[in-house]
Amino acid sequence: MAERPEDLNLPNAVITRIIKEALPDGVNVSKEARRAISQAASVFVLYATSCANNFAMKAKRKTLNAGDVLAAMEEMEFERFLEPLREALEVYKKGQKGKKEVSEQKRKDKEKKAESSENDKSREDEEEEEEHMEEEEPADVENEAEEEEVEN
């Protein structure tokens, strides 16, 4: 838990961005109003978290899940936010699935590249060995011819 009440507030930059996105252009918000909105948002988050935690505890779980948050919103009488939250959750899940698929594909590509590099390396080693063998063969033939001449 936070040691000071100020630690429970959302960052000012986040609050300012949310306010700007929610209001039409040209509307100014005083510093005092931003502070009040920030504190209200923090209280809302704490209350929603507490309600969601109650649902998790009733289910004998220590981890809050999206269902707990949706149930909390309904209990808090914020039903009108349920559908937008469900939609946002679906978008999030699809994004996570896409990220997972991309990550998996990158991993497979990396493995293929590593295999290909290993195969290329072993082919290069074989070719070098063949070249080395070919270089030794003429020298052996010459040595044998010299030995025959010496014997005669």
Protein backbone atom coordinates (compact mmCIF):
# COMPACT_ATOMS: atom_id res chain seq x y z
CA MET A 1 0.00 0.00 0.00
CA ALA A 2 0.99 3.61 -0.43
CA GLU A 3 2.56 5.40 2.50
CA ARG A 4 1.18 8.84 1.64
CA PRO A 5 -2.19 9.85 0.15
CA GLU A 6 -0.36 11.65 -2.70
CA ASP A 7 1.08 8.30 -3.79
CA LEU A 8 -2.42 7.15 -4.63
CA ASN A 9 -2.97 9.85 -7.25
CA LEU A 10 -2.66 9.16 -10.94
CA PRO A 11 0.17 10.97 -12.75
CA ASN A 12 -0.69 14.55 -13.73
CA ALA A 13 0.39 14.00 -17.34
CA VAL A 14 -2.10 11.13 -17.68
CA ILE A 15 -4.91 13.16 -16.15
CA THR A 16 -4.13 16.16 -18.38
CA ARG A 17 -4.14 13.97 -21.50
CA ILE A 18 -7.47 12.38 -20.55
CA ILE A 19 -9.02 15.77 -19.86
CA LYS A 20 -7.79 17.21 -23.18
CA GLU A 21 -9.19 14.21 -25.08
CA ALA A 22 -12.55 14.49 -23.31
CA LEU A 23 -13.09 18.21 -23.87
CA PRO A 24 -13.52 20.18 -27.10
CA ASP A 25 -10.66 22.33 -28.35
CA GLY A 26 -10.35 25.73 -26.74
CA VAL A 27 -11.65 24.68 -23.33
CA ASN A 28 -9.20 25.43 -20.55
CA VAL A 29 -9.04 23.63 -17.22
CA SER A 30 -7.57 25.28 -14.16
CA LYS A 31 -4.84 23.67 -12.12
CA GLU A 32 -7.27 23.32 -9.22
CA ALA A 33 -9.83 21.56 -11.41
CA ARG A 34 -7.17 19.16 -12.75
CA ARG A 35 -6.15 18.37 -9.18
CA ALA A 36 -9.77 17.71 -8.17
CA ILE A 37 -10.32 15.46 -11.21
CA SER A 38 -7.09 13.62 -10.41
CA GLN A 39 -8.18 12.98 -6.84
CA ALA A 40 -11.67 11.92 -7.96
CA ALA A 41 -10.16 9.51 -10.50
CA SER A 42 -7.89 8.04 -7.85
CA VAL A 43 -10.81 7.55 -5.45
CA PHE A 44 -12.80 5.91 -8.25
CA VAL A 45 -9.94 3.51 -9.06
CA LEU A 46 -9.52 2.61 -5.39
CA TYR A 47 -13.26 2.02 -4.96
CA ALA A 48 -13.53 -0.05 -8.16
CA THR A 49 -10.49 -2.08 -7.12
CA SER A 50 -11.93 -2.70 -3.67
CA CYS A 51 -15.27 -3.86 -5.13
CA ALA A 52 -13.51 -6.09 -7.68
CA ASN A 53 -11.37 -7.55 -4.88
CA ASN A 54 -14.54 -8.47 -2.98
CA PHE A 55 -15.71 -10.51 -5.98
CA ALA A 56 -12.33 -12.24 -6.19
CA MET A 57 -12.39 -13.02 -2.47
CA LYS A 58 -15.92 -14.47 -2.74
CA ALA A 59 -14.56 -16.76 -5.46
CA LYS A 60 -11.62 -17.62 -3.15
CA ARG A 61 -9.05 -16.12 -5.54
CA LYS A 62 -6.20 -13.74 -4.85
CA THR A 63 -6.02 -12.46 -8.42
CA LEU A 64 -8.51 -9.93 -9.78
CA ASN A 65 -9.66 -10.61 -13.31
CA ALA A 66 -11.66 -8.67 -15.90
CA GLY A 67 -14.89 -10.39 -14.80
CA ASP A 68 -14.36 -9.07 -11.27
CA VAL A 69 -13.95 -5.53 -12.59
CA LEU A 70 -17.08 -5.81 -14.75
CA ALA A 71 -19.07 -7.15 -11.80
CA ALA A 72 -17.74 -4.32 -9.64
CA MET A 73 -18.83 -1.73 -12.21
CA GLU A 74 -22.32 -3.21 -12.16
CA GLU A 75 -22.40 -3.25 -8.37
CA MET A 76 -21.26 0.38 -8.33
CA GLU A 77 -24.19 1.16 -10.66
CA PHE A 78 -22.02 2.05 -13.65
CA GLU A 79 -23.90 -0.29 -16.00
CA ARG A 80 -23.63 2.16 -18.89
CA PHE A 81 -19.86 1.60 -18.93
CA LEU A 82 -20.11 -2.19 -19.12
CA GLU A 83 -20.48 -2.46 -22.89
CA PRO A 84 -17.64 -0.03 -23.70
CA LEU A 85 -15.46 -1.89 -21.18
CA ARG A 86 -16.29 -5.25 -22.77
CA GLU A 87 -15.44 -3.85 -26.20
CA ALA A 88 -12.17 -2.40 -24.93
CA LEU A 89 -11.35 -5.75 -23.31
CA GLU A 90 -11.94 -7.56 -26.61
CA VAL A 91 -9.69 -5.12 -28.45
CA TYR A 92 -7.02 -5.64 -25.79
CA LYS A 93 -7.29 -9.44 -26.01
CA LYS A 94 -7.03 -9.36 -29.81
CA GLY A 95 -4.00 -7.09 -29.57
CA GLN A 96 -2.35 -9.44 -27.07
CA LYS A 97 -3.13 -12.44 -29.28
CA GLY A 98 -1.62 -10.63 -32.26
CA LYS A 99 1.50 -9.77 -30.26
CA LYS A 100 1.80 -13.38 -29.14
CA GLU A 101 1.49 -14.64 -32.73
CA VAL A 102 4.09 -12.13 -33.96
CA SER A 103 6.43 -13.12 -31.14
CA GLU A 104 5.96 -16.81 -31.92
CA GLN A 105 6.63 -16.20 -35.63
CA LYS A 106 9.80 -14.25 -34.81
CA ARG A 107 10.98 -17.11 -32.59
CA LYS A 108 10.33 -19.66 -35.37
CA ASP A 109 12.12 -17.47 -37.93
CA LYS A 110 15.08 -17.14 -35.59
CA GLU A 111 15.21 -20.93 -35.12
CA LYS A 112 15.06 -21.48 -38.89
CA LYS A 113 17.83 -18.94 -39.41
CA ALA A 114 19.96 -20.65 -36.76
CA GLU A 115 19.35 -24.05 -38.39
CA SER A 116 20.17 -22.61 -41.80
CA SER A 117 23.38 -21.09 -40.45
CA GLU A 118 24.36 -24.42 -38.90
CA ASN A 119 23.65 -26.24 -42.17
CA ASP A 120 25.63 -23.64 -44.13
CA LYS A 121 28.51 -23.94 -41.68
CA SER A 122 28.57 -27.75 -41.90
CA ARG A 123 28.44 -27.52 -45.72
CA GLU A 124 31.35 -25.06 -45.65
CA ASP A 125 33.30 -27.40 -43.37
CA GLU A 126 32.65 -30.33 -45.72
CA GLU A 127 33.74 -28.27 -48.74
CA GLU A 128 36.91 -27.15 -46.96
CA GLU A 129 37.65 -30.74 -46.03
CA GLU A 130 37.12 -31.86 -49.64
CA GLU A 131 39.41 -29.07 -50.90
CA HIS A 132 42.03 -30.06 -48.36
CA MET A 133 41.80 -33.70 -49.47
CA GLU A 134 42.13 -32.68 -53.14
CA GLU A 135 45.22 -30.62 -52.33
CA GLU A 136 46.87 -33.59 -50.60
CA GLU A 137 46.12 -36.10 -53.40
CA PRO A 138 48.41 -34.57 -56.10
CA ALA A 139 51.27 -34.37 -53.62
CA ASP A 140 50.82 -38.05 -52.77
CA VAL A 141 50.81 -39.02 -56.47
CA GLU A 142 54.01 -37.02 -57.06
CA ASN A 143 55.68 -38.65 -54.06
CA GLU A 144 54.77 -42.11 -55.34
CA ALA A 145 56.18 -41.30 -58.81
CA GLU A 146 59.42 -40.07 -57.25
CA GLU A 147 59.68 -43.22 -55.13
CA GLU A 148 59.27 -45.41 -58.24
CA GLU A 149 62.03 -43.53 -60.05
CA VAL A 150 64.34 -43.92 -57.08
CA GLU A 151 63.71 -47.67 -57.00
CA ASN A 152 64.48 -48.05 -60.74
